Protein backbone atom coordinates (compact mmCIF):
# COMPACT_ATOMS: atom_id res chain seq x y z
CA MET A 1 73.85 106.44 107.62
CA GLN A 2 77.47 105.58 108.82
CA ASN A 3 79.47 108.45 109.69
CA SER A 4 82.86 108.45 108.08
CA GLY A 5 84.66 109.22 110.88
CA HIS A 6 83.60 106.56 113.22
CA PRO A 7 86.33 104.01 114.38
CA LEU A 8 85.45 100.58 112.66
CA PHE A 9 88.54 98.76 111.71
CA GLY A 10 91.52 96.93 113.31
CA ILE A 11 94.91 97.90 112.50
CA SER A 12 95.50 94.83 110.56
CA VAL A 13 91.88 95.49 108.61
CA ALA A 14 93.25 98.74 107.87
CA ALA A 15 96.31 97.86 106.55
CA GLU A 16 94.73 95.15 104.38
CA LEU A 17 92.13 97.56 102.81
CA VAL A 18 95.17 100.08 101.77
CA GLY A 19 97.57 97.04 100.84
CA THR A 20 100.26 97.67 103.31
CA THR A 21 101.84 96.27 106.42
CA VAL A 22 100.67 96.81 110.00
CA ALA A 23 104.21 98.05 110.69
CA ASN A 24 103.65 100.60 107.98
CA VAL A 25 100.58 101.88 109.50
CA ARG A 26 102.39 102.21 113.09
CA GLY A 27 105.29 104.00 111.51
CA TYR A 28 102.74 106.49 109.71
CA GLU A 29 101.11 107.00 113.20
CA ARG A 30 104.53 107.63 114.95
CA SER A 31 105.41 110.16 112.08
CA GLY A 32 102.35 112.06 112.82
CA LEU A 33 100.28 111.56 109.85
CA LEU A 34 97.30 109.86 111.26
CA THR A 35 95.77 109.35 114.72
CA PRO A 36 93.31 106.60 115.00
CA ALA A 37 90.78 106.43 117.83
CA ARG A 38 91.62 104.05 120.92
CA THR A 39 89.35 101.88 122.72
CA GLU A 40 89.59 101.89 126.44
CA GLY A 41 91.90 99.06 126.41
CA GLY A 42 94.24 101.04 123.89
CA THR A 43 93.30 99.28 120.92
CA ARG A 44 93.81 101.24 117.70
CA ARG A 45 90.53 101.82 115.70
CA TYR A 46 90.58 103.24 111.95
CA SER A 47 87.38 105.23 110.69
CA GLN A 48 86.79 105.02 107.02
CA ASP A 49 88.66 108.83 106.91
CA ASP A 50 91.60 107.13 108.31
CA VAL A 51 91.68 104.70 105.54
CA ASP A 52 91.07 107.45 102.76
CA ARG A 53 93.98 108.92 104.62
CA LEU A 54 96.11 105.99 104.46
CA LEU A 55 95.20 105.68 100.80
CA ARG A 56 96.34 109.12 100.18
CA ILE A 57 99.63 108.52 101.88
CA ARG A 58 100.21 105.56 99.66
CA VAL A 59 99.57 107.47 96.45
CA LEU A 60 102.22 110.20 97.84
CA LEU A 61 104.81 107.41 98.49
CA ASP A 62 104.11 105.92 95.11
CA ALA A 63 104.75 109.64 93.72
CA GLY A 64 108.05 109.45 95.28
CA LEU A 65 107.64 111.43 98.25
CA ASN A 66 109.29 110.96 101.62
CA ILE A 67 107.70 110.88 104.82
CA ALA A 68 108.63 114.48 105.53
CA GLY A 69 106.93 115.77 102.06
CA ILE A 70 103.88 113.55 102.98
CA VAL A 71 103.74 115.33 106.37
CA ARG A 72 103.77 118.58 104.39
CA VAL A 73 101.34 117.85 101.71
CA LEU A 74 98.91 116.57 103.89
CA ASP A 75 98.98 119.72 106.25
CA LEU A 76 98.53 121.64 103.30
CA GLU A 77 95.65 119.64 102.18
CA ASP A 78 94.21 119.86 105.78
CA ASP A 79 94.51 123.52 105.81
CA ASN A 80 92.96 123.92 102.66
CA GLY A 81 90.08 121.91 103.48
CA ARG A 82 89.42 123.93 106.37
CA LEU A 83 89.76 127.14 104.76
CA ARG A 84 87.20 125.86 102.04
CA ALA A 85 84.97 124.85 105.03
CA GLU A 86 85.35 128.54 106.20
CA LEU A 87 84.48 130.06 102.95
CA ASP A 88 81.28 127.85 102.30
CA GLY A 89 80.06 127.99 105.73
């Protein structure tokens, strides 16, 4: 079974899977919205988790949030996930 955090996709494939541009994906990275893995040569590699996060970013953009709002929402969702894991663990 494949680990959803395993880096598989190049930036152009990740952008295509989400329906956005490579420039947008790079911008989201610059904004701190995601941090893809890198090969030894520095090439970005995106996991399924990264693609899922990109899809969430797109949903939030479509809902009218700006990048600052999306950063806050994703931080809160990440915190919530960690707290749930602690409670369940």
